[in-house]
Protein backbone atom coordinates (compact mmCIF):
# COMPACT_ATOMS: atom_id res chain seq x y z
CA MET A 1 -16.43 -0.32 30.28
CA SER A 2 -18.75 1.06 32.90
CA PRO A 3 -22.45 1.55 31.99
CA GLU A 4 -21.87 5.31 31.87
CA GLN A 5 -18.90 4.83 29.50
CA GLN A 6 -20.91 2.46 27.33
CA GLU A 7 -23.79 4.95 27.08
CA THR A 8 -21.34 7.73 26.10
CA ALA A 9 -19.67 5.53 23.50
CA GLN A 10 -22.98 4.80 21.80
CA GLN A 11 -23.63 8.52 21.22
CA PRO A 12 -22.62 9.82 17.78
CA SER A 13 -19.24 11.51 18.00
CA ALA A 14 -18.23 14.81 16.29
CA SER A 15 -16.37 12.66 13.74
CA ASP A 16 -19.57 10.68 13.04
CA MET A 17 -21.62 13.81 12.60
CA ALA A 18 -19.04 15.30 10.22
CA LEU A 19 -18.95 12.11 8.15
CA ARG A 20 -22.76 12.18 7.94
CA ASP A 21 -23.46 15.92 7.52
CA GLU A 22 -20.44 17.93 6.42
CA PRO A 23 -20.29 18.96 2.73
CA VAL A 24 -18.58 16.10 0.89
CA GLY A 25 -16.02 18.29 -0.88
CA ARG A 26 -14.79 19.85 2.38
CA LEU A 27 -14.88 16.46 4.17
CA PHE A 28 -12.91 14.79 1.36
CA TRP A 29 -10.09 17.34 1.52
CA ARG A 30 -10.09 17.23 5.32
CA TYR A 31 -9.22 13.52 5.06
CA ALA A 32 -7.26 13.63 1.83
CA LEU A 33 -4.73 16.33 2.63
CA PRO A 34 -3.25 14.68 5.82
CA THR A 35 -3.50 11.23 4.31
CA VAL A 36 -1.79 12.17 1.04
CA SER A 37 0.81 14.10 3.07
CA ALA A 38 1.47 11.01 5.20
CA MET A 39 1.90 8.93 1.99
CA LEU A 40 4.16 11.55 0.47
CA VAL A 41 6.35 11.35 3.58
CA THR A 42 6.44 7.61 3.11
CA GLY A 43 7.37 8.08 -0.55
CA ILE A 44 10.06 10.64 0.30
CA TYR A 45 11.76 8.47 2.91
CA GLY A 46 11.38 5.47 0.61
CA ALA A 47 13.08 7.45 -2.18
CA ILE A 48 15.84 8.55 0.18
CA ASP A 49 16.29 4.93 1.20
CA GLY A 50 16.76 4.18 -2.51
CA ILE A 51 19.14 7.07 -2.91
CA PHE A 52 21.32 5.82 -0.08
CA VAL A 53 21.35 2.31 -1.60
CA GLY A 54 22.01 3.46 -5.18
CA GLN A 55 24.66 6.00 -4.40
CA VAL A 56 26.51 4.03 -1.71
CA ILE A 57 26.09 0.35 -2.81
CA GLY A 58 25.41 0.86 -6.49
CA ALA A 59 23.49 -1.05 -9.15
CA ASP A 60 23.79 -4.41 -7.29
CA GLY A 61 22.28 -2.75 -4.27
CA MET A 62 19.31 -1.48 -6.32
CA ALA A 63 18.82 -4.91 -7.80
CA GLY A 64 19.10 -6.48 -4.34
CA VAL A 65 16.36 -4.25 -2.94
CA MET A 66 14.05 -5.04 -5.89
CA LEU A 67 14.61 -8.74 -5.50
CA GLY A 68 14.16 -8.64 -1.71
CA TYR A 69 11.24 -6.35 -1.50
CA ALA A 70 9.37 -8.41 -4.11
CA ILE A 71 9.35 -11.24 -1.59
CA GLY A 72 9.36 -9.32 1.74
CA GLY A 73 6.42 -7.15 0.65
CA ILE A 74 4.12 -9.93 1.90
CA VAL A 75 4.32 -8.33 5.39
CA TYR A 76 2.74 -5.13 4.04
CA ALA A 77 0.11 -7.15 2.22
CA ILE A 78 -0.89 -8.93 5.47
CA GLY A 79 -1.04 -5.64 7.38
CA ALA A 80 -3.11 -3.93 4.64
CA GLY A 81 -5.49 -6.86 4.39
CA ILE A 82 -6.21 -6.94 8.11
CA GLY A 83 -6.18 -3.15 8.61
CA MET A 84 -8.33 -2.11 5.60
CA GLY A 85 -10.73 -5.01 6.04
CA ALA A 86 -11.30 -4.09 9.68
CA ALA A 87 -11.33 -0.32 8.93
CA ALA A 88 -14.10 -0.63 6.40
CA LEU A 89 -16.18 -2.87 8.73
CA VAL A 90 -15.56 -0.57 11.71
CA ALA A 91 -16.72 2.48 9.70
CA ILE A 92 -19.86 0.72 8.54
CA ALA A 93 -20.61 -0.42 12.09
CA LEU A 94 -20.21 3.17 13.35
CA GLY A 95 -22.45 4.37 10.54
CA ARG A 96 -25.13 2.10 11.99
CA GLY A 97 -24.29 3.29 15.53
CA ASP A 98 -22.97 -0.11 16.60
CA VAL A 99 -19.90 0.86 18.68
CA ALA A 100 -19.66 -2.52 20.46
CA SER A 101 -19.14 -4.38 17.19
CA ALA A 102 -16.59 -1.75 16.08
CA ARG A 103 -14.55 -2.23 19.27
CA ARG A 104 -14.66 -6.01 18.88
CA LEU A 105 -13.32 -5.71 15.31
CA VAL A 106 -10.40 -3.48 16.44
CA GLY A 107 -9.43 -6.01 19.12
CA ALA A 108 -9.67 -8.93 16.71
CA SER A 109 -7.35 -7.07 14.34
CA LEU A 110 -4.57 -6.89 16.88
CA THR A 111 -4.80 -10.63 17.65
CA MET A 112 -4.79 -11.44 13.91
CA CYS A 113 -1.71 -9.24 13.39
CA ILE A 114 0.21 -11.05 16.15
CA LEU A 115 -0.72 -14.51 14.85
CA ALA A 116 0.12 -13.60 11.27
CA ALA A 117 3.58 -12.23 12.22
CA VAL A 118 4.43 -15.34 14.21
CA LEU A 119 3.23 -17.75 11.56
CA LEU A 120 5.18 -15.91 8.84
CA ILE A 121 8.66 -16.16 10.35
CA PHE A 122 9.59 -19.74 9.63
CA PRO A 123 8.19 -20.12 6.05
CA GLY A 124 9.56 -16.69 5.20
CA LEU A 125 13.11 -17.44 6.32
CA SER A 126 13.11 -20.97 4.88
CA LEU A 127 11.71 -20.17 1.43
CA ALA A 128 13.25 -16.76 0.74
CA ASN A 129 16.63 -18.00 -0.49
CA SER A 130 15.08 -20.63 -2.75
CA LEU A 131 12.94 -17.92 -4.40
CA LEU A 132 15.94 -15.66 -4.82
CA TYR A 133 18.01 -18.32 -6.54
CA TRP A 134 15.06 -19.21 -8.76
CA LEU A 135 15.00 -15.63 -10.03
CA GLY A 136 18.54 -16.10 -11.33
CA ALA A 137 20.16 -12.79 -10.56
CA SER A 138 23.92 -12.27 -10.11
CA GLU A 139 25.49 -13.85 -6.98
CA ARG A 140 26.22 -10.41 -5.48
CA ALA A 141 22.62 -9.11 -5.96
CA THR A 142 21.16 -12.36 -4.62
CA GLN A 143 23.25 -12.20 -1.45
CA LEU A 144 22.30 -8.59 -0.85
CA ALA A 145 18.61 -9.46 -1.30
CA ALA A 146 18.95 -12.32 1.26
CA ASP A 147 20.48 -9.89 3.75
CA TYR A 148 17.57 -7.47 3.11
CA LEU A 149 14.96 -10.18 3.60
CA LEU A 150 16.35 -11.58 6.87
CA TRP A 151 15.07 -8.61 8.86
CA TYR A 152 11.79 -8.35 7.03
CA PHE A 153 10.73 -11.74 8.33
CA LEU A 154 12.35 -11.51 11.81
CA LEU A 155 10.80 -8.12 12.49
CA GLY A 156 7.75 -8.41 10.27
CA PHE A 157 5.35 -7.72 13.18
CA PHE A 158 6.29 -4.01 13.02
CA PRO A 159 5.17 -3.24 9.47
CA ILE A 160 2.07 -5.43 9.87
CA ILE A 161 1.00 -3.35 12.92
CA ALA A 162 1.93 -0.08 11.23
CA MET A 163 -0.19 -0.92 8.16
CA ALA A 164 -3.16 -2.19 10.09
CA PHE A 165 -3.40 0.38 12.85
CA SER A 166 -2.65 3.45 10.79
CA ALA A 167 -5.74 2.54 8.78
CA LEU A 168 -7.82 1.95 11.91
CA MET A 169 -6.67 5.21 13.61
CA ARG A 170 -7.58 7.17 10.43
CA ASN A 171 -11.01 5.65 10.64
CA ASP A 172 -11.26 6.75 14.27
CA GLY A 173 -11.19 10.31 13.07
CA HIS A 174 -7.49 11.12 13.55
CA PRO A 175 -5.88 11.41 10.04
CA ARG A 176 -3.59 14.25 11.19
CA GLN A 177 -2.12 12.28 14.02
CA VAL A 178 -1.47 9.33 11.68
CA THR A 179 0.40 11.77 9.41
CA LEU A 180 2.46 13.03 12.34
CA TYR A 181 3.38 9.44 13.37
CA MET A 182 4.37 8.60 9.82
CA VAL A 183 6.56 11.75 9.61
CA ILE A 184 8.23 10.72 12.86
CA GLY A 185 8.87 7.21 11.47
CA GLY A 186 10.08 8.62 8.17
CA LEU A 187 12.60 10.99 9.78
CA LEU A 188 13.92 8.13 11.91
CA ASN A 189 14.27 5.99 8.75
CA ILE A 190 16.46 8.64 7.14
CA LEU A 191 18.67 9.00 10.13
CA LEU A 192 19.06 5.24 10.53
CA ASP A 193 19.74 4.83 6.78
CA TYR A 194 22.68 7.23 7.17
CA LEU A 195 23.96 5.52 10.29
CA LEU A 196 23.58 1.96 9.06
CA ILE A 197 24.52 2.33 5.39
CA VAL A 198 27.09 5.18 5.41
CA VAL A 199 28.58 5.41 8.90
CA VAL A 200 28.41 1.72 9.69
CA PRO A 201 28.55 0.01 6.27
CA LEU A 202 25.99 -2.71 6.87
CA GLU A 203 24.76 -2.47 3.23
CA LEU A 204 21.26 -3.98 2.84
CA HIS A 205 21.25 -5.32 6.40
CA GLY A 206 21.32 -1.67 7.46
CA ALA A 207 18.65 -0.57 4.99
CA SER A 208 16.28 -3.26 6.19
CA ILE A 209 16.87 -2.69 9.84
CA ALA A 210 16.34 1.05 9.34
CA THR A 211 12.96 0.36 7.65
CA MET A 212 11.74 -2.13 10.27
CA LEU A 213 12.65 0.21 13.21
CA SER A 214 10.84 3.12 11.64
CA GLN A 215 7.78 0.90 11.19
CA LEU A 216 7.99 -0.04 14.90
CA VAL A 217 7.76 3.62 15.90
CA THR A 218 4.86 4.47 13.52
CA GLY A 219 2.97 1.27 14.29
CA GLY A 220 3.57 1.50 18.04
CA LEU A 221 2.26 5.11 18.27
CA CYS A 222 -0.88 4.21 16.22
CA LEU A 223 -1.47 1.11 18.38
CA LEU A 224 -1.10 3.01 21.60
CA HIS A 225 -4.00 5.24 20.61
CA PHE A 226 -6.35 2.29 20.99
CA PHE A 227 -5.23 1.69 24.57
CA GLY A 228 -5.85 5.31 25.58
CA ARG A 229 -8.92 7.12 26.83
CA ASN A 230 -9.44 9.31 23.77
CA THR A 231 -11.19 6.68 21.71
CA ARG A 232 -14.50 4.82 21.77
CA LEU A 233 -12.65 1.85 20.16
CA ARG A 234 -10.44 1.08 23.16
CA ILE A 235 -8.84 -2.34 23.11
CA SER A 236 -9.38 -4.48 26.19
CA TRP A 237 -8.93 -8.14 27.06
CA ASP A 238 -12.51 -9.02 26.09
CA THR A 239 -12.06 -7.56 22.55
CA LEU A 240 -8.89 -9.57 21.82
CA ARG A 241 -10.77 -12.87 21.72
CA LEU A 242 -11.14 -14.12 18.12
CA ARG A 243 -14.55 -14.94 16.75
CA TRP A 244 -14.77 -16.87 13.51
CA LYS A 245 -17.38 -14.48 12.01
CA ASP A 246 -15.18 -11.39 12.68
CA CYS A 247 -12.09 -13.04 11.24
CA ARG A 248 -13.98 -14.21 8.18
CA ASP A 249 -15.52 -10.76 7.59
CA ILE A 250 -12.15 -8.97 8.05
CA MET A 251 -10.36 -11.35 5.66
CA ARG A 252 -13.16 -11.19 3.08
CA THR A 253 -13.46 -7.46 3.13
CA GLY A 254 -9.65 -6.96 3.30
CA LEU A 255 -8.89 -9.45 0.52
CA SER A 256 -8.61 -6.78 -2.17
CA SER A 257 -6.16 -4.75 -0.05
CA PHE A 258 -4.15 -7.91 0.63
CA LEU A 259 -4.10 -8.71 -3.08
CA MET A 260 -3.20 -5.09 -3.87
CA TYR A 261 0.00 -5.31 -1.81
CA LEU A 262 0.61 -8.90 -2.73
CA TYR A 263 0.15 -7.78 -6.34
CA LEU A 264 3.08 -5.40 -5.82
CA SER A 265 5.27 -8.18 -4.58
CA VAL A 266 4.20 -10.71 -7.23
CA VAL A 267 4.41 -8.22 -10.11
CA LEU A 268 7.83 -7.09 -8.99
CA THR A 269 8.89 -10.76 -8.87
CA MET A 270 7.42 -11.46 -12.34
CA HIS A 271 9.02 -8.38 -13.84
CA ASN A 272 12.38 -9.32 -12.26
CA LYS A 273 12.14 -12.84 -13.65
CA ALA A 274 11.06 -11.65 -17.11
CA LEU A 275 13.87 -9.12 -17.23
CA LEU A 276 16.42 -11.68 -16.23
CA TRP A 277 14.91 -14.07 -18.86
CA VAL A 278 15.17 -11.66 -21.84
CA GLY A 279 17.69 -9.15 -20.39
CA GLN A 280 20.25 -9.03 -17.57
CA THR A 281 20.83 -7.78 -13.99
CA ILE A 282 21.31 -4.22 -15.26
CA HIS A 283 17.69 -4.19 -16.45
CA VAL A 284 16.55 -5.19 -12.91
CA ALA A 285 18.57 -2.20 -11.57
CA ALA A 286 16.77 0.04 -14.07
CA TYR A 287 13.48 -1.43 -13.03
CA GLY A 288 14.43 -0.68 -9.42
CA ILE A 289 14.80 3.02 -10.29
CA LEU A 290 11.51 3.08 -12.19
CA SER A 291 9.78 1.41 -9.20
CA TYR A 292 11.15 3.95 -6.72
CA ILE A 293 9.87 6.78 -8.99
CA GLU A 294 6.54 5.05 -9.52
CA SER A 295 6.08 4.37 -5.81
CA PHE A 296 6.15 8.08 -5.11
CA PHE A 297 3.05 8.60 -7.30
CA TYR A 298 1.51 5.31 -6.15
CA LEU A 299 1.58 6.53 -2.62
CA VAL A 300 -0.21 9.72 -3.62
CA PHE A 301 -2.93 7.63 -5.28
CA GLU A 302 -3.11 5.39 -2.20
CA GLY A 303 -3.50 8.44 0.08
CA VAL A 304 -6.45 9.68 -2.04
CA ALA A 305 -8.01 6.17 -2.01
CA LEU A 306 -7.55 5.74 1.74
CA ALA A 307 -9.01 9.19 2.35
CA ILE A 308 -12.40 8.25 0.92
CA GLN A 309 -12.73 4.91 2.68
CA PRO A 310 -13.99 6.30 6.01
CA ILE A 311 -16.39 8.65 4.13
CA THR A 312 -17.80 6.03 1.77
CA SER A 313 -18.00 3.21 4.35
CA PHE A 314 -19.70 5.37 7.00
CA ASN A 315 -22.26 6.85 4.59
CA PHE A 316 -22.86 3.41 3.00
CA GLY A 317 -23.68 2.11 6.49
CA ALA A 318 -25.88 5.17 7.11
CA GLY A 319 -27.74 4.66 3.81
CA LYS A 320 -26.58 7.98 2.25
CA TRP A 321 -25.79 6.85 -1.30
CA GLU A 322 -25.44 10.28 -2.96
CA ARG A 323 -22.65 11.19 -0.51
CA VAL A 324 -20.92 7.90 -1.32
CA LYS A 325 -20.90 8.70 -5.02
CA GLN A 326 -19.77 12.30 -4.49
CA ALA A 327 -16.77 11.16 -2.43
CA ARG A 328 -15.86 8.54 -5.04
CA ASN A 329 -15.93 11.09 -7.86
CA TYR A 330 -13.77 13.54 -5.96
CA ALA A 331 -11.27 10.71 -5.42
CA PHE A 332 -11.13 9.70 -9.07
CA LEU A 333 -10.35 13.26 -10.15
CA ALA A 334 -7.81 13.76 -7.35
CA ALA A 335 -5.93 10.62 -8.45
CA PHE A 336 -6.16 11.11 -12.19
CA VAL A 337 -4.75 14.69 -12.34
CA PRO A 338 -1.47 13.96 -10.47
CA GLY A 339 -1.03 10.83 -12.73
CA VAL A 340 -1.23 12.92 -15.82
CA ILE A 341 1.08 15.64 -14.47
CA GLY A 342 3.64 13.00 -13.37
CA LEU A 343 3.56 11.40 -16.84
CA VAL A 344 4.20 14.70 -18.59
CA LEU A 345 7.02 15.73 -16.26
CA LEU A 346 8.79 12.37 -16.52
CA PHE A 347 8.60 12.40 -20.31
CA ILE A 348 10.07 15.91 -20.49
CA TRP A 349 12.76 15.61 -17.83
CA PRO A 350 13.47 11.86 -17.13
CA ASP A 351 17.11 12.26 -16.18
CA ILE A 352 16.39 14.51 -13.19
CA ALA A 353 14.50 11.69 -11.45
CA ILE A 354 16.87 8.94 -12.62
CA ARG A 355 20.08 10.63 -11.55
CA ALA A 356 18.79 11.10 -8.05
CA PHE A 357 19.13 7.32 -7.59
CA ILE A 358 22.27 6.60 -9.54
CA ALA A 359 24.55 9.32 -10.95
CA ASP A 360 27.76 7.54 -12.10
CA ASP A 361 26.59 4.61 -14.23
CA PRO A 362 25.82 5.85 -17.77
CA GLU A 363 24.58 2.44 -18.91
CA VAL A 364 22.03 2.11 -16.14
CA ILE A 365 20.87 5.67 -16.80
CA ARG A 366 20.45 5.00 -20.50
CA TYR A 367 18.48 1.80 -19.99
CA THR A 368 16.25 3.51 -17.42
CA ARG A 369 15.60 6.53 -19.66
CA ASP A 370 14.53 4.30 -22.55
CA ALA A 371 12.26 2.39 -20.26
CA THR A 372 10.64 5.58 -18.92
CA TYR A 373 8.99 6.35 -22.25
CA LEU A 374 7.41 2.87 -22.43
CA TYR A 375 6.51 2.27 -18.77
CA PHE A 376 5.08 5.44 -17.32
CA TRP A 377 1.96 5.48 -19.45
CA VAL A 378 0.71 3.48 -16.51
CA LEU A 379 0.52 6.32 -14.03
CA PRO A 380 -2.97 7.76 -14.58
CA ALA A 381 -4.42 4.24 -14.85
CA GLN A 382 -2.78 3.16 -11.57
CA GLY A 383 -4.45 6.05 -9.78
CA LEU A 384 -7.93 5.19 -11.13
CA LEU A 385 -7.61 1.48 -10.41
CA LEU A 386 -6.39 2.01 -6.85
CA VAL A 387 -9.29 4.35 -6.02
CA GLY A 388 -11.70 1.87 -7.69
CA ALA A 389 -10.48 -1.09 -5.65
CA ILE A 390 -10.66 0.78 -2.32
CA TYR A 391 -14.10 2.16 -3.25
CA PHE A 392 -15.50 -1.30 -4.04
CA GLN A 393 -14.07 -2.66 -0.80
CA SER A 394 -15.46 0.20 1.27
CA ILE A 395 -19.05 -0.43 0.18
CA LYS A 396 -18.88 -4.17 0.62
CA MET A 397 -18.41 -5.05 -3.01
CA ALA A 398 -15.58 -7.33 -1.92
CA ASN A 399 -15.84 -9.65 -4.89
CA GLU A 400 -15.50 -6.81 -7.42
CA ALA A 401 -12.57 -5.34 -5.51
CA ALA A 402 -10.83 -8.68 -5.43
CA MET A 403 -11.52 -9.37 -9.08
CA LEU A 404 -10.11 -5.92 -9.99
CA VAL A 405 -6.82 -6.61 -8.18
CA GLY A 406 -6.64 -10.38 -8.73
CA GLY A 407 -7.57 -10.00 -12.40
CA LYS A 408 -4.76 -7.56 -12.84
CA LEU A 409 -2.32 -10.05 -11.34
CA VAL A 410 -3.36 -12.83 -13.67
CA LEU A 411 -3.43 -10.62 -16.81
CA VAL A 412 -0.03 -9.15 -16.03
CA GLY A 413 1.41 -12.61 -15.68
CA ILE A 414 0.02 -13.80 -18.97
CA ALA A 415 0.93 -10.63 -20.84
CA LEU A 416 4.51 -10.62 -19.48
CA VAL A 417 5.16 -14.09 -20.90
CA ILE A 418 3.71 -13.20 -24.34
CA LEU A 419 5.17 -9.69 -24.72
CA ALA A 420 8.60 -10.61 -23.31
CA LYS A 421 8.86 -13.61 -25.68
CA TYR A 422 8.03 -11.61 -28.83
CA PHE A 423 9.32 -8.11 -27.96
CA GLY A 424 12.06 -8.74 -25.41
CA VAL A 425 12.78 -6.13 -22.74
CA ASP A 426 10.55 -3.55 -24.41
CA GLY A 427 7.68 -6.00 -24.10
CA VAL A 428 8.29 -6.17 -20.38
CA TRP A 429 8.15 -2.36 -20.03
CA VAL A 430 4.77 -2.01 -21.89
CA THR A 431 2.96 -4.90 -20.11
CA LEU A 432 1.69 -3.06 -17.08
CA PRO A 433 0.45 0.02 -18.98
CA LEU A 434 -1.54 -2.12 -21.44
CA VAL A 435 -3.11 -4.34 -18.78
CA SER A 436 -3.92 -1.38 -16.50
CA TRP A 437 -5.80 0.65 -19.13
CA CYS A 438 -7.85 -2.42 -20.16
CA LEU A 439 -8.85 -2.90 -16.52
CA VAL A 440 -9.83 0.79 -16.22
CA VAL A 441 -12.44 0.20 -18.96
CA TRP A 442 -13.69 -2.91 -17.25
CA MET A 443 -13.93 -1.14 -13.86
CA TRP A 444 -15.88 1.73 -15.39
CA VAL A 445 -18.44 -0.68 -16.90
CA ILE A 446 -18.88 -2.51 -13.60
CA MET A 447 -19.28 0.70 -11.65
CA ARG A 448 -21.84 2.15 -14.01
CA ARG A 449 -23.92 -1.05 -13.80
CA ALA A 450 -23.73 -1.02 -9.99
CA ASP A 451 -24.82 2.62 -9.86
CA ALA A 452 -27.78 1.91 -12.15
CA ARG A 453 -28.90 -1.09 -10.03
CA ARG A 454 -28.65 0.92 -6.76
CA GLU A 455 -30.42 3.97 -8.18
CA GLY A 456 -33.16 1.74 -9.55
CA ALA A 457 -33.65 0.18 -6.17
CA VAL A 458 -34.10 3.54 -4.40
């Protein structure tokens, strides 16, 4: 950058001034509405993906997606860890007025994404089949899952970039553009699902390729933003060089986001294994339908949580603690209310959601309906925990964020073994709700203590 460009870059932008001075309620909704919209788009095209699989391939296809995604989800975990870790640090740096450090972190993120994608290919392809056979599903479901995973690891760079640079672009003050790019990717995913599952019957090969190509479009558009002239965080050759301190800080800050997405993969795997231990493949298909429904709400919660991250990180860096707390409280309310509404609607009309995914298998529908009443107590707690983890991460309470997510992983694993052994399939369904509500109580205690310490120090 020329000296004139460097001087301009160091000046507070309109986005910086809004984050610092605009009323928190208005600011929250300005970030939340496009971010939640983007996540809803993701949820819709994910649900349509499931509809294509369930209606065209059937119960084995649903089981195959569940088995495959549980392993392939590692690519999203890596992208989230790098992207959210860097995004929080970039926002804090901008809050301090340190644009040079922010640019360096963005460049380091791209290099880390490239290295991670390359290093993941061989172990992913070599270990995937062993993990699938360990789970013990039917031969047909296992083969479909292997087909699905092949493209996740060969083309894993695309979702890693999409996850990382959508977060960074949102932090650069462009949440609406991120939403647009996700809509474009989502529409492409639906078109490709139709072409590669229905027109050309590639089964889960087609579903996986459709997902990866849609991630290429979304991620590529977000990445191009950082090579253009409309950002202070422009990537150049000098910013791509890795520095140990930057890598360490990104990984440490992003650990909770990595664990959050890894948690999804590991918990899916543990549930699949537990269901196959005390049940059968049809229960995995039912769990697949529950997970598609849950993911729609989860993405709303994630949109709310991601919306506060630029606000809380920037104001934390700027030393404006009251604004940090106000944004956090708005997010908790905005996540809790949809969770309660979703819970009520699913309890009253479960078949409407279930039959969207599979209409002609009465046994799967019955198992899924029974599971609905035991499982979906988790929804309001999921929203609170997701906001809490992102909030802790955004204000450099990385240990608390990691403990919240990592503790959930450990507790779910222990509870699954105990409850499945003594209560069978019903024990599997109630595990996540019980653990999640216990962690909500723990999170609230930790947060109150942290607030008291900070207010006492002021």
